N, C-alpha and C. Protein backbone atom coordinates (compact mmCIF):
# COMPACT_ATOMS: atom_id res chain seq x y z
N UNK A 1 -131.03 41.20 -138.77
CA UNK A 1 -131.30 42.71 -140.00
C UNK A 1 -129.78 42.64 -140.85
N UNK A 2 -128.68 42.25 -139.84
CA UNK A 2 -127.53 42.47 -140.83
C UNK A 2 -127.07 41.55 -141.65
N UNK A 3 -127.68 40.60 -141.82
CA UNK A 3 -127.52 40.19 -143.38
C UNK A 3 -128.64 40.72 -144.38
N UNK A 4 -129.23 41.62 -143.93
CA UNK A 4 -130.36 42.51 -145.08
C UNK A 4 -129.57 43.37 -145.15
N UNK A 5 -129.01 43.71 -144.53
CA UNK A 5 -128.34 45.49 -144.50
C UNK A 5 -126.60 44.92 -145.30
N UNK A 6 -126.50 43.95 -145.02
CA UNK A 6 -125.27 43.53 -146.13
C UNK A 6 -125.97 43.30 -147.58
N UNK A 7 -126.75 42.22 -147.57
CA UNK A 7 -127.17 42.04 -149.08
C UNK A 7 -128.01 43.34 -149.86
N UNK A 8 -128.13 44.20 -149.15
CA UNK A 8 -128.69 45.53 -149.42
C UNK A 8 -127.22 46.77 -150.10
N UNK A 9 -126.39 46.32 -148.98
CA UNK A 9 -125.64 47.25 -149.57
C UNK A 9 -124.62 46.89 -150.87
N UNK A 10 -124.89 45.30 -151.23
CA UNK A 10 -123.97 44.46 -151.85
C UNK A 10 -124.58 44.73 -153.48
N UNK A 11 -126.16 44.82 -153.17
CA UNK A 11 -127.00 45.33 -153.96
C UNK A 11 -126.89 46.46 -154.50
N UNK A 12 -126.80 47.52 -154.00
CA UNK A 12 -126.89 49.21 -154.26
C UNK A 12 -125.43 49.70 -154.81
N UNK A 13 -124.18 49.19 -153.83
CA UNK A 13 -123.08 49.74 -154.75
C UNK A 13 -123.22 51.08 -154.54
N UNK A 14 -122.60 51.94 -155.50
CA UNK A 14 -122.87 53.51 -155.50
C UNK A 14 -124.31 53.92 -155.91
N UNK A 15 -124.95 53.14 -156.02
CA UNK A 15 -126.59 54.09 -156.53
C UNK A 15 -127.04 54.10 -155.18
N UNK A 16 -128.39 54.91 -155.96
CA UNK A 16 -129.08 56.05 -155.01
C UNK A 16 -130.69 54.64 -154.85
N UNK A 17 -131.35 55.84 -153.64
CA UNK A 17 -132.58 55.22 -153.03
C UNK A 17 -133.34 56.75 -152.85
N UNK A 18 -134.29 56.90 -153.60
CA UNK A 18 -135.23 57.85 -153.34
C UNK A 18 -136.41 57.84 -152.57
N UNK A 19 -136.64 58.45 -151.37
CA UNK A 19 -137.53 58.69 -150.46
C UNK A 19 -138.92 59.74 -151.01
N UNK A 20 -139.87 59.03 -151.09
CA UNK A 20 -141.16 60.09 -151.26
C UNK A 20 -142.14 60.11 -150.05
N UNK A 21 -142.96 61.07 -149.85
CA UNK A 21 -143.74 61.04 -148.85
C UNK A 21 -144.69 62.42 -149.05
N UNK A 22 -146.24 62.44 -148.38
CA UNK A 22 -146.43 63.82 -147.76
C UNK A 22 -145.51 64.44 -147.01
N UNK A 23 -145.69 65.64 -146.66
CA UNK A 23 -145.02 66.48 -145.93
C UNK A 23 -145.20 66.05 -143.97
N UNK A 24 -144.14 65.80 -143.92
CA UNK A 24 -143.99 65.16 -142.21
C UNK A 24 -144.61 63.33 -142.43
N UNK A 25 -144.08 62.79 -143.28
CA UNK A 25 -144.43 61.65 -143.57
C UNK A 25 -143.00 60.87 -143.31
N UNK A 26 -142.10 61.72 -142.97
CA UNK A 26 -140.95 61.00 -142.17
C UNK A 26 -139.39 60.95 -143.05
N UNK A 27 -139.52 61.58 -144.35
CA UNK A 27 -138.62 61.20 -145.61
C UNK A 27 -137.22 61.52 -144.57
N UNK A 28 -136.91 62.65 -144.21
CA UNK A 28 -135.68 62.72 -144.18
C UNK A 28 -135.19 61.98 -142.71
N UNK A 29 -136.29 61.98 -141.20
CA UNK A 29 -136.12 61.25 -140.51
C UNK A 29 -135.04 59.33 -140.58
N UNK A 30 -136.48 58.95 -142.18
CA UNK A 30 -135.99 57.50 -142.62
C UNK A 30 -134.67 57.60 -143.21
N UNK A 31 -134.44 58.99 -144.15
CA UNK A 31 -133.27 58.34 -144.90
C UNK A 31 -131.72 58.91 -144.01
N UNK A 32 -131.90 59.65 -142.84
CA UNK A 32 -130.82 59.61 -142.27
C UNK A 32 -130.80 58.49 -141.35
N UNK A 33 -131.50 57.49 -140.96
CA UNK A 33 -131.37 56.20 -140.20
C UNK A 33 -130.48 55.45 -141.46
N UNK A 34 -131.47 55.11 -142.47
CA UNK A 34 -131.18 54.58 -143.46
C UNK A 34 -129.62 54.71 -143.76
N UNK A 35 -128.83 56.02 -144.21
CA UNK A 35 -127.87 56.35 -144.78
C UNK A 35 -126.44 56.37 -143.62
N UNK A 36 -127.15 56.00 -142.77
CA UNK A 36 -125.90 55.80 -141.80
C UNK A 36 -125.76 54.61 -141.44
N UNK A 37 -126.97 53.53 -141.82
CA UNK A 37 -126.63 52.10 -141.78
C UNK A 37 -125.86 51.50 -142.92
N UNK A 38 -126.06 52.20 -144.16
CA UNK A 38 -125.81 51.99 -145.14
C UNK A 38 -124.66 52.42 -145.67
N UNK A 39 -124.18 53.13 -145.00
CA UNK A 39 -122.82 54.16 -144.93
C UNK A 39 -122.72 54.83 -146.33
N UNK A 40 -124.60 55.53 -146.19
CA UNK A 40 -124.47 56.39 -147.52
C UNK A 40 -124.58 57.41 -147.19
N UNK A 41 -124.17 58.60 -148.55
CA UNK A 41 -124.61 59.80 -147.62
C UNK A 41 -126.37 60.62 -148.27
N UNK A 42 -126.50 61.45 -147.66
CA UNK A 42 -127.99 61.95 -147.57
C UNK A 42 -128.27 63.20 -148.38
N UNK A 43 -128.72 63.27 -149.80
CA UNK A 43 -129.34 64.42 -150.03
C UNK A 43 -130.47 64.56 -150.19
N UNK A 44 -131.24 65.80 -148.98
CA UNK A 44 -132.16 66.49 -149.18
C UNK A 44 -132.91 67.40 -150.15
N UNK A 45 -133.54 67.34 -150.65
CA UNK A 45 -134.14 68.30 -151.59
C UNK A 45 -134.60 69.30 -150.64
N UNK A 46 -135.41 69.16 -149.65
CA UNK A 46 -135.84 70.40 -148.72
C UNK A 46 -134.79 70.99 -148.06
N UNK A 47 -133.48 70.50 -147.41
CA UNK A 47 -132.43 71.02 -147.08
C UNK A 47 -131.51 71.82 -148.05
N UNK A 48 -131.24 71.52 -149.46
CA UNK A 48 -130.99 71.51 -150.41
C UNK A 48 -131.44 73.29 -150.89
N UNK A 49 -132.64 73.64 -150.99
CA UNK A 49 -133.51 74.40 -151.28
C UNK A 49 -133.60 75.52 -150.28
N UNK A 50 -133.47 75.03 -148.87
CA UNK A 50 -133.82 75.86 -148.07
C UNK A 50 -132.50 76.68 -147.69
N UNK A 51 -131.38 75.76 -147.90
CA UNK A 51 -130.05 76.48 -147.73
C UNK A 51 -129.66 77.64 -149.27
N UNK A 52 -130.22 77.06 -150.35
CA UNK A 52 -129.56 77.84 -151.78
C UNK A 52 -130.81 79.50 -151.68
N UNK A 53 -132.13 78.89 -151.10
CA UNK A 53 -132.61 79.87 -150.54
C UNK A 53 -132.12 81.31 -149.46
N UNK A 54 -131.78 80.76 -148.10
CA UNK A 54 -131.00 81.59 -147.54
C UNK A 54 -129.97 82.03 -148.03
N UNK A 55 -129.11 81.74 -149.29
CA UNK A 55 -127.90 82.26 -149.79
C UNK A 55 -128.10 83.33 -151.22
N UNK A 56 -129.39 82.56 -151.94
CA UNK A 56 -129.53 83.65 -152.62
C UNK A 56 -130.69 85.13 -152.33
N UNK A 57 -131.04 85.05 -150.95
CA UNK A 57 -132.27 85.90 -150.26
C UNK A 57 -133.40 85.69 -151.07
N UNK A 58 -133.98 84.65 -151.77
CA UNK A 58 -135.23 84.20 -152.16
C UNK A 58 -136.16 83.73 -151.14
N UNK A 59 -137.36 83.37 -151.19
CA UNK A 59 -138.19 83.26 -150.73
C UNK A 59 -139.52 82.06 -151.48
N UNK A 60 -139.15 81.22 -152.65
CA UNK A 60 -139.68 80.53 -153.64
C UNK A 60 -140.44 79.62 -152.80
N UNK A 61 -140.19 78.85 -151.61
CA UNK A 61 -141.18 77.79 -151.14
C UNK A 61 -141.49 78.45 -150.05
N UNK A 62 -142.04 80.11 -149.41
CA UNK A 62 -142.16 80.20 -148.42
C UNK A 62 -143.90 79.71 -148.45
N UNK A 63 -145.26 79.85 -149.42
CA UNK A 63 -145.83 79.74 -149.34
C UNK A 63 -146.30 77.96 -149.45
N UNK A 64 -145.51 77.78 -149.54
CA UNK A 64 -145.96 76.07 -149.62
C UNK A 64 -145.48 75.65 -150.86
N UNK A 65 -145.12 76.26 -152.27
CA UNK A 65 -145.20 75.90 -153.63
C UNK A 65 -144.10 75.27 -153.58
N UNK A 66 -143.40 74.23 -154.70
CA UNK A 66 -142.45 73.64 -154.86
C UNK A 66 -141.76 74.81 -155.97
N UNK A 67 -140.38 74.88 -155.47
CA UNK A 67 -139.69 75.25 -156.59
C UNK A 67 -139.55 75.47 -158.29
N UNK A 68 -139.52 75.99 -159.01
CA UNK A 68 -139.86 75.87 -160.58
C UNK A 68 -138.92 75.07 -161.02
N UNK A 69 -139.31 74.00 -161.56
CA UNK A 69 -138.13 73.49 -162.52
C UNK A 69 -136.45 73.83 -162.88
N UNK A 70 -136.94 74.97 -163.53
CA UNK A 70 -135.44 75.29 -164.22
C UNK A 70 -134.59 75.82 -162.51
N UNK A 71 -135.00 75.87 -161.20
CA UNK A 71 -134.31 75.98 -160.64
C UNK A 71 -134.07 75.02 -159.66
N UNK A 72 -134.71 74.07 -159.62
CA UNK A 72 -134.33 72.76 -159.05
C UNK A 72 -133.47 72.33 -160.04
N UNK A 73 -133.52 72.24 -161.49
CA UNK A 73 -132.18 71.85 -162.01
C UNK A 73 -130.71 72.47 -161.73
N UNK A 74 -130.65 74.02 -161.57
CA UNK A 74 -129.84 74.88 -161.11
C UNK A 74 -129.60 74.31 -159.64
N UNK A 75 -130.01 74.37 -158.93
CA UNK A 75 -129.82 74.24 -157.21
C UNK A 75 -129.22 72.99 -156.97
N UNK A 76 -130.25 72.12 -157.55
CA UNK A 76 -130.11 70.55 -156.83
C UNK A 76 -129.57 68.97 -157.84
N UNK A 77 -129.81 69.38 -159.06
CA UNK A 77 -129.09 68.30 -159.60
C UNK A 77 -127.52 68.32 -160.02
N UNK A 78 -126.91 69.74 -159.60
CA UNK A 78 -125.18 69.74 -160.06
C UNK A 78 -125.07 68.64 -158.70
N UNK A 79 -125.64 68.27 -157.36
CA UNK A 79 -125.31 67.53 -156.31
C UNK A 79 -124.86 66.00 -156.66
N UNK A 80 -125.14 65.51 -157.43
CA UNK A 80 -124.95 64.58 -158.40
C UNK A 80 -123.47 63.75 -158.27
N UNK A 81 -122.84 65.30 -159.04
CA UNK A 81 -121.94 64.84 -159.98
C UNK A 81 -120.96 65.32 -158.50
N UNK A 82 -120.98 65.52 -157.51
CA UNK A 82 -120.39 66.34 -156.76
C UNK A 82 -118.98 64.92 -155.93
N UNK A 83 -117.86 65.53 -156.37
CA UNK A 83 -116.67 64.56 -155.97
C UNK A 83 -116.97 63.75 -154.97
N UNK A 84 -116.91 64.52 -153.77
CA UNK A 84 -117.13 63.79 -152.41
C UNK A 84 -117.83 63.14 -152.29
N UNK A 85 -118.81 62.66 -153.08
CA UNK A 85 -119.66 61.61 -153.45
C UNK A 85 -119.89 60.29 -154.22
N UNK A 86 -118.64 60.38 -155.13
CA UNK A 86 -118.71 59.60 -156.07
C UNK A 86 -118.67 58.45 -155.52
N UNK A 87 -118.21 58.19 -154.48
CA UNK A 87 -117.53 56.54 -154.08
C UNK A 87 -118.95 55.95 -152.74
N UNK A 88 -120.10 56.99 -152.79
CA UNK A 88 -120.95 56.76 -152.14
C UNK A 88 -122.14 56.31 -152.73
N UNK A 89 -123.21 55.63 -151.64
CA UNK A 89 -124.19 55.01 -152.12
C UNK A 89 -124.64 56.73 -151.61
N UNK A 90 -126.07 57.02 -152.13
CA UNK A 90 -126.83 58.37 -151.73
C UNK A 90 -128.46 57.66 -151.48
N UNK A 91 -128.71 57.89 -150.57
CA UNK A 91 -130.13 58.43 -150.08
C UNK A 91 -130.95 59.46 -150.27
N UNK A 92 -131.50 59.77 -151.18
CA UNK A 92 -132.68 60.94 -151.53
C UNK A 92 -133.75 61.27 -151.12
N UNK A 93 -133.48 62.07 -150.42
CA UNK A 93 -135.22 62.76 -150.12
C UNK A 93 -136.16 63.61 -150.54
N UNK A 94 -136.70 63.24 -151.78
CA UNK A 94 -137.88 63.64 -152.64
C UNK A 94 -136.86 64.57 -153.07
N UNK A 95 -136.03 64.27 -154.32
CA UNK A 95 -135.50 64.74 -155.01
C UNK A 95 -135.71 64.43 -156.33
N UNK A 96 -136.43 65.96 -156.68
CA UNK A 96 -137.51 65.68 -158.28
C UNK A 96 -138.25 65.69 -157.92
N UNK A 97 -139.16 66.40 -157.14
CA UNK A 97 -141.04 66.30 -156.76
C UNK A 97 -142.16 66.59 -158.05
N UNK A 98 -141.36 66.74 -158.37
CA UNK A 98 -142.51 67.73 -160.12
C UNK A 98 -142.30 66.99 -161.08
N UNK A 99 -143.74 66.61 -161.43
CA UNK A 99 -144.00 65.60 -162.58
C UNK A 99 -142.83 66.35 -163.71
N UNK A 100 -142.43 65.64 -164.61
CA UNK A 100 -141.60 65.92 -165.48
C UNK A 100 -139.85 66.17 -165.41
N UNK A 101 -139.89 65.78 -163.97
CA UNK A 101 -138.23 65.97 -163.10
C UNK A 101 -138.06 64.66 -163.45
N UNK A 102 -138.26 63.62 -163.47
CA UNK A 102 -138.12 62.56 -162.86
C UNK A 102 -137.20 62.17 -164.11
N UNK A 103 -137.36 62.19 -164.72
CA UNK A 103 -136.01 61.47 -166.32
C UNK A 103 -135.17 62.05 -166.22
N UNK A 104 -134.91 63.35 -165.58
CA UNK A 104 -133.83 64.82 -165.87
C UNK A 104 -132.78 63.61 -164.29
N UNK A 105 -133.72 63.65 -163.41
CA UNK A 105 -132.76 63.14 -162.18
C UNK A 105 -132.25 61.55 -162.29
N UNK A 106 -133.37 60.50 -163.12
CA UNK A 106 -132.64 59.50 -163.16
C UNK A 106 -131.68 59.61 -164.59
N UNK A 107 -131.18 60.42 -164.84
CA UNK A 107 -130.41 60.59 -166.00
C UNK A 107 -128.90 61.10 -165.38
N UNK A 108 -129.40 61.95 -164.49
CA UNK A 108 -128.11 62.76 -163.82
C UNK A 108 -127.64 61.83 -162.53
N UNK A 109 -128.44 60.88 -162.01
CA UNK A 109 -128.12 60.31 -161.41
C UNK A 109 -126.94 59.43 -161.98
N UNK A 110 -127.54 58.38 -162.83
CA UNK A 110 -127.27 57.44 -163.70
C UNK A 110 -126.13 58.14 -164.10
N UNK A 111 -125.55 59.14 -164.55
CA UNK A 111 -124.62 59.23 -165.53
C UNK A 111 -123.06 59.80 -164.23
N UNK A 112 -123.83 60.08 -163.14
CA UNK A 112 -122.76 60.31 -162.02
C UNK A 112 -122.17 59.11 -161.21
N UNK A 113 -122.71 57.85 -161.57
CA UNK A 113 -122.62 56.71 -161.24
C UNK A 113 -123.13 55.89 -159.74
N UNK A 114 -124.77 56.87 -160.11
CA UNK A 114 -125.60 56.97 -158.82
C UNK A 114 -127.14 56.08 -159.47
N UNK A 115 -126.69 55.60 -160.08
CA UNK A 115 -128.07 55.03 -160.36
C UNK A 115 -129.71 54.48 -159.41
N UNK A 116 -130.20 55.11 -159.61
CA UNK A 116 -131.49 54.85 -158.82
C UNK A 116 -132.06 53.29 -158.82
N UNK A 117 -131.98 52.86 -158.06
CA UNK A 117 -131.98 51.48 -157.25
C UNK A 117 -133.28 50.84 -156.91
N UNK A 118 -133.86 52.38 -156.20
CA UNK A 118 -135.22 51.71 -155.84
C UNK A 118 -135.74 53.31 -155.22
N UNK A 119 -137.40 53.15 -155.03
CA UNK A 119 -138.00 54.66 -154.28
C UNK A 119 -138.97 54.08 -153.50
N UNK A 120 -138.87 54.35 -152.52
CA UNK A 120 -139.43 53.92 -151.40
C UNK A 120 -140.76 55.42 -151.19
N UNK A 121 -142.19 54.93 -151.08
CA UNK A 121 -143.05 55.56 -150.65
C UNK A 121 -143.67 55.35 -149.29
N UNK A 122 -143.71 56.44 -148.66
CA UNK A 122 -143.82 56.29 -147.01
C UNK A 122 -145.27 56.61 -147.09
N UNK A 123 -146.87 56.01 -147.02
CA UNK A 123 -147.53 55.95 -147.22
C UNK A 123 -148.04 56.30 -145.95
N UNK A 124 -149.33 57.72 -145.87
CA UNK A 124 -149.32 57.92 -145.14
C UNK A 124 -150.82 59.18 -145.23
N UNK A 125 -151.95 59.51 -144.69
CA UNK A 125 -152.83 59.91 -144.83
C UNK A 125 -152.80 61.53 -144.73
N UNK A 126 -153.53 62.30 -145.50
CA UNK A 126 -153.47 63.74 -145.35
C UNK A 126 -153.99 63.96 -144.01
N UNK A 127 -154.95 63.49 -143.55
CA UNK A 127 -155.38 63.93 -142.19
C UNK A 127 -154.12 63.66 -141.19
N UNK A 128 -153.73 62.34 -141.53
CA UNK A 128 -152.73 61.99 -140.18
C UNK A 128 -151.30 63.04 -140.24
N UNK A 129 -150.72 63.80 -141.60
CA UNK A 129 -149.81 64.62 -141.34
C UNK A 129 -150.26 65.60 -140.97
N UNK A 130 -151.42 66.34 -141.15
CA UNK A 130 -151.94 67.38 -140.77
C UNK A 130 -151.94 67.30 -138.56
N UNK A 131 -152.36 66.11 -138.45
CA UNK A 131 -152.22 65.81 -136.97
C UNK A 131 -150.65 65.72 -136.14
N UNK A 132 -149.54 65.69 -137.44
CA UNK A 132 -148.92 65.36 -137.12
C UNK A 132 -147.94 66.98 -137.13
N UNK A 133 -148.49 67.71 -138.37
CA UNK A 133 -147.55 69.12 -138.03
C UNK A 133 -148.95 69.76 -136.69
N UNK A 134 -149.98 69.82 -136.44
CA UNK A 134 -149.98 69.90 -135.26
C UNK A 134 -149.46 70.16 -134.02
N UNK A 135 -148.88 68.64 -134.17
CA UNK A 135 -148.10 68.25 -132.76
C UNK A 135 -147.08 69.32 -132.57
N UNK A 136 -146.10 69.02 -134.07
CA UNK A 136 -145.08 69.92 -134.22
C UNK A 136 -145.17 71.20 -133.73
N UNK A 137 -145.99 72.13 -133.98
CA UNK A 137 -146.22 73.33 -133.76
C UNK A 137 -146.14 73.47 -132.10
N UNK A 138 -146.81 72.50 -131.88
CA UNK A 138 -147.18 72.31 -130.20
C UNK A 138 -145.43 72.33 -129.47
N UNK A 139 -144.77 71.29 -130.00
CA UNK A 139 -143.28 71.12 -129.51
C UNK A 139 -142.35 71.85 -129.52
N UNK A 140 -142.79 72.29 -130.81
CA UNK A 140 -141.43 73.48 -132.04
C UNK A 140 -140.72 72.84 -132.12
N UNK A 141 -140.70 71.33 -132.56
CA UNK A 141 -139.10 70.49 -133.19
C UNK A 141 -138.92 70.60 -134.87
N UNK A 142 -139.24 72.07 -135.40
CA UNK A 142 -139.45 71.56 -136.56
C UNK A 142 -138.46 73.14 -137.21
N UNK A 143 -137.90 73.90 -135.85
CA UNK A 143 -137.84 75.44 -135.97
C UNK A 143 -138.65 76.62 -136.77
N UNK A 144 -137.79 77.46 -137.14
CA UNK A 144 -139.09 78.31 -137.79
C UNK A 144 -138.75 78.56 -139.04
N UNK A 145 -139.54 77.22 -139.64
CA UNK A 145 -139.79 77.15 -141.28
C UNK A 145 -140.45 78.24 -141.82
N UNK A 146 -140.42 78.98 -143.09
CA UNK A 146 -141.38 79.54 -143.43
C UNK A 146 -143.09 78.51 -143.96
N UNK A 147 -142.21 77.47 -144.46
CA UNK A 147 -143.24 76.87 -145.22
C UNK A 147 -144.09 75.68 -144.10
N UNK A 148 -144.03 76.23 -143.07
CA UNK A 148 -144.78 74.99 -141.67
C UNK A 148 -145.20 76.20 -141.19
N UNK A 149 -145.34 77.59 -141.59
CA UNK A 149 -145.59 78.50 -140.69
C UNK A 149 -147.15 78.84 -140.56
N UNK A 150 -147.84 77.94 -140.78
CA UNK A 150 -149.51 78.22 -140.94
C UNK A 150 -150.50 76.26 -141.61
N UNK A 151 -151.56 76.50 -141.05
CA UNK A 151 -152.07 75.33 -141.78
C UNK A 151 -152.30 75.53 -143.29
N UNK A 152 -152.60 76.62 -143.87
CA UNK A 152 -152.67 77.05 -145.38
C UNK A 152 -151.23 76.36 -146.17
N UNK A 153 -150.39 77.24 -145.15
CA UNK A 153 -149.48 77.13 -146.24
C UNK A 153 -149.21 75.37 -146.56
N UNK A 154 -149.60 74.52 -144.90
CA UNK A 154 -149.04 73.39 -145.05
C UNK A 154 -150.02 72.50 -145.84
N UNK A 155 -151.44 72.93 -145.87
CA UNK A 155 -151.88 72.44 -146.99
C UNK A 155 -152.07 72.63 -148.48
N UNK A 156 -150.79 73.91 -148.66
CA UNK A 156 -150.37 73.87 -149.95
C UNK A 156 -149.57 73.05 -150.34
N UNK A 157 -148.81 72.63 -149.56
CA UNK A 157 -147.60 71.66 -149.71
C UNK A 157 -148.29 70.45 -149.65
N UNK A 158 -149.13 69.87 -149.31
CA UNK A 158 -150.07 68.64 -149.50
C UNK A 158 -150.41 68.55 -150.94
N UNK A 159 -150.88 70.09 -151.12
CA UNK A 159 -151.75 70.21 -152.98
C UNK A 159 -150.76 69.96 -153.71
N UNK A 160 -149.48 70.48 -153.57
CA UNK A 160 -148.49 70.36 -154.08
C UNK A 160 -148.21 68.48 -154.70
N UNK A 161 -148.14 68.09 -153.56
CA UNK A 161 -147.62 66.38 -153.36
C UNK A 161 -148.92 66.12 -154.19
N UNK A 162 -150.13 66.34 -154.24
CA UNK A 162 -151.15 65.42 -154.82
C UNK A 162 -151.00 65.65 -156.08
N UNK A 163 -150.88 67.06 -156.39
CA UNK A 163 -151.12 67.06 -157.89
C UNK A 163 -149.52 67.04 -158.78
N UNK A 164 -148.80 66.93 -157.97
CA UNK A 164 -147.41 67.12 -159.00
C UNK A 164 -146.66 65.87 -158.64
N UNK A 165 -146.25 65.39 -157.37
CA UNK A 165 -145.36 64.63 -156.94
C UNK A 165 -145.84 62.98 -156.93
N UNK A 166 -147.35 62.90 -157.27
CA UNK A 166 -147.59 61.81 -157.36
C UNK A 166 -147.70 61.01 -158.60
N UNK A 167 -148.03 62.21 -159.22
CA UNK A 167 -147.51 61.82 -160.87
C UNK A 167 -145.79 60.95 -161.25
N UNK A 168 -145.10 61.11 -160.58
CA UNK A 168 -143.60 61.37 -160.32
C UNK A 168 -143.94 59.75 -159.71
N UNK A 169 -144.06 59.80 -158.75
CA UNK A 169 -144.09 58.09 -158.10
C UNK A 169 -144.72 57.60 -159.08
N UNK A 170 -145.81 57.64 -159.57
CA UNK A 170 -146.33 56.71 -160.57
C UNK A 170 -145.81 56.03 -161.35
N UNK A 171 -144.64 57.19 -162.14
CA UNK A 171 -143.50 56.97 -163.11
C UNK A 171 -142.66 55.97 -162.77
N UNK A 172 -142.46 56.05 -161.46
CA UNK A 172 -141.32 54.94 -160.72
C UNK A 172 -142.26 53.56 -161.02
N UNK A 173 -143.15 54.08 -160.61
CA UNK A 173 -144.10 53.01 -160.15
C UNK A 173 -143.82 51.90 -161.26
N UNK A 174 -143.99 52.57 -162.41
CA UNK A 174 -144.19 52.24 -164.20
C UNK A 174 -142.70 51.34 -164.40
N UNK A 175 -141.94 51.86 -163.82
CA UNK A 175 -140.72 51.38 -163.88
C UNK A 175 -140.31 50.29 -163.24
N UNK A 176 -141.00 49.46 -162.06
CA UNK A 176 -140.73 48.76 -161.59
C UNK A 176 -139.40 48.98 -159.88
N UNK A 177 -139.32 50.16 -160.11
CA UNK A 177 -138.58 50.50 -158.74
C UNK A 177 -139.06 51.12 -157.53
N UNK A 178 -140.92 51.11 -157.41
CA UNK A 178 -141.24 51.96 -156.57
C UNK A 178 -141.52 50.22 -155.30
N UNK A 179 -141.31 50.92 -153.45
CA UNK A 179 -141.52 49.81 -152.65
C UNK A 179 -142.40 51.04 -151.77
N UNK A 180 -143.21 50.58 -151.78
CA UNK A 180 -144.45 50.89 -150.75
C UNK A 180 -144.33 50.99 -149.60
N UNK A 181 -144.35 51.42 -148.50
CA UNK A 181 -143.90 51.41 -147.41
C UNK A 181 -145.30 52.20 -146.06
N UNK A 182 -146.07 51.32 -145.35
CA UNK A 182 -147.00 52.53 -144.28
C UNK A 182 -145.87 53.04 -143.31
N UNK A 183 -146.50 54.47 -143.85
CA UNK A 183 -145.32 55.32 -142.81
C UNK A 183 -146.22 55.65 -141.63
N UNK A 184 -147.33 55.54 -141.37
CA UNK A 184 -148.32 55.39 -140.52
C UNK A 184 -148.26 54.48 -139.08
N UNK A 185 -147.13 54.31 -138.65
CA UNK A 185 -146.49 53.44 -136.95
C UNK A 185 -145.67 54.31 -137.18
N UNK A 186 -145.12 53.28 -135.63
CA UNK A 186 -143.89 53.68 -135.24
C UNK A 186 -143.05 54.01 -136.19
N UNK A 187 -141.52 54.88 -135.67
CA UNK A 187 -140.52 55.29 -136.65
C UNK A 187 -139.82 54.13 -136.99
N UNK A 188 -139.26 53.25 -135.68
CA UNK A 188 -138.58 51.98 -135.99
C UNK A 188 -139.18 50.96 -136.67
N UNK A 189 -140.62 50.72 -136.80
CA UNK A 189 -141.33 49.48 -137.15
C UNK A 189 -141.29 49.95 -139.07
N UNK A 190 -141.29 51.79 -138.90
CA UNK A 190 -141.46 51.91 -140.68
C UNK A 190 -139.77 51.50 -140.98
N UNK A 191 -139.19 51.97 -140.40
CA UNK A 191 -137.31 51.68 -140.57
C UNK A 191 -137.71 50.16 -140.86
N UNK A 192 -137.86 48.95 -140.00
CA UNK A 192 -137.60 47.52 -139.89
C UNK A 192 -138.29 47.43 -141.82
N UNK A 193 -139.48 48.23 -141.75
CA UNK A 193 -140.41 47.59 -143.27
C UNK A 193 -138.94 48.34 -144.17
N UNK A 194 -138.83 49.38 -144.06
CA UNK A 194 -138.03 49.72 -145.34
C UNK A 194 -137.02 49.10 -145.58
N UNK A 195 -135.92 48.20 -144.91
CA UNK A 195 -135.42 47.49 -144.37
C UNK A 195 -135.37 46.16 -144.77
N UNK A 196 -136.61 45.88 -144.83
CA UNK A 196 -137.11 44.41 -145.33
C UNK A 196 -137.57 44.61 -146.77
N UNK A 197 -137.72 45.41 -146.84
CA UNK A 197 -138.79 45.68 -148.20
C UNK A 197 -137.52 45.87 -149.35
N UNK A 198 -136.18 46.07 -149.33
CA UNK A 198 -135.31 46.93 -149.76
C UNK A 198 -134.55 45.50 -149.90
N UNK A 199 -134.70 44.43 -148.51
CA UNK A 199 -133.49 43.66 -148.87
C UNK A 199 -134.25 42.66 -150.00
N UNK A 200 -135.70 42.67 -149.75
CA UNK A 200 -136.28 41.83 -150.75
C UNK A 200 -136.36 42.01 -152.44
N UNK A 201 -136.28 43.32 -151.92
CA UNK A 201 -135.80 44.09 -153.94
C UNK A 201 -134.51 43.30 -154.21
N UNK A 202 -133.25 43.37 -153.36
CA UNK A 202 -132.17 43.35 -153.92
C UNK A 202 -132.10 41.81 -153.66
N UNK A 203 -132.92 40.61 -153.10
CA UNK A 203 -132.80 39.53 -153.46
C UNK A 203 -133.65 39.23 -154.97
N UNK A 204 -134.28 39.83 -155.08
CA UNK A 204 -134.98 39.80 -156.53
C UNK A 204 -133.97 40.13 -157.72
N UNK A 205 -133.28 40.82 -157.70
CA UNK A 205 -132.31 41.06 -158.50
C UNK A 205 -131.15 40.38 -158.73
N UNK A 206 -131.31 39.24 -157.73
CA UNK A 206 -130.05 38.20 -158.59
C UNK A 206 -130.86 36.94 -158.78
N UNK A 207 -132.33 36.99 -159.34
CA UNK A 207 -132.92 35.68 -159.67
C UNK A 207 -132.77 35.47 -161.28
C-alpha cells in the first residue's frame, strides 16, 4: 500500500477529494483515515454546519433537511481559502450536497489551490444504512444529534440524499471525477478499496 499512497500523494498535491454517501455510510470515518494517511486536512460539512448551528443558535438541520444553499455558501465555502489549510491537500466529507452547489464548490476549491481531483461515492443501500442507524441508537456512538433523533428524521435525510445529492454525484460522474466504492463491507475493506481506486486514478492521470 505504501507505493499506492505515494502515488496518490504525488498526484493529489494540495488538491482535494470529496466523499459522498448516504447517512451512516461512513463518510467521516473513511475521510479521517484517508486524511491521516495522506497528510491531509479533513473538512466535514456535517461538523462545520453543526458547529455553526450551535454558534448561531439556529436549528436548520434538526428535522433532517439540508441547509439552504445561501447559508451553505456563507458557512462552508470560506473554509477553502483558510490560510492554515493552504499547504495541505483536503479530504472533503460531502461538501456541496444540494444540486446546483457543485460548481461553486469546484470553483472555490480551485481558486484556493485545492482543485477537486476525485469524488468518492460510498455505495450502500438505504435498508443497510437504516440498520446501521438502529445499531447506533442501541450502542449510543453518535452522541445526541438532533438529525439522528428518530427514524422519521433519519429517513428525511435519506430522502434529501436521494433527491438533492444524487444529481450532484451524477454531475461529478459526467466530469469523469467519480470513484465508486462498495460501502457495504468491513471498514478496512472499504478503505483498501478507496486507496486502490485512487491509486488507479492517479496512474491514469499520468498516461
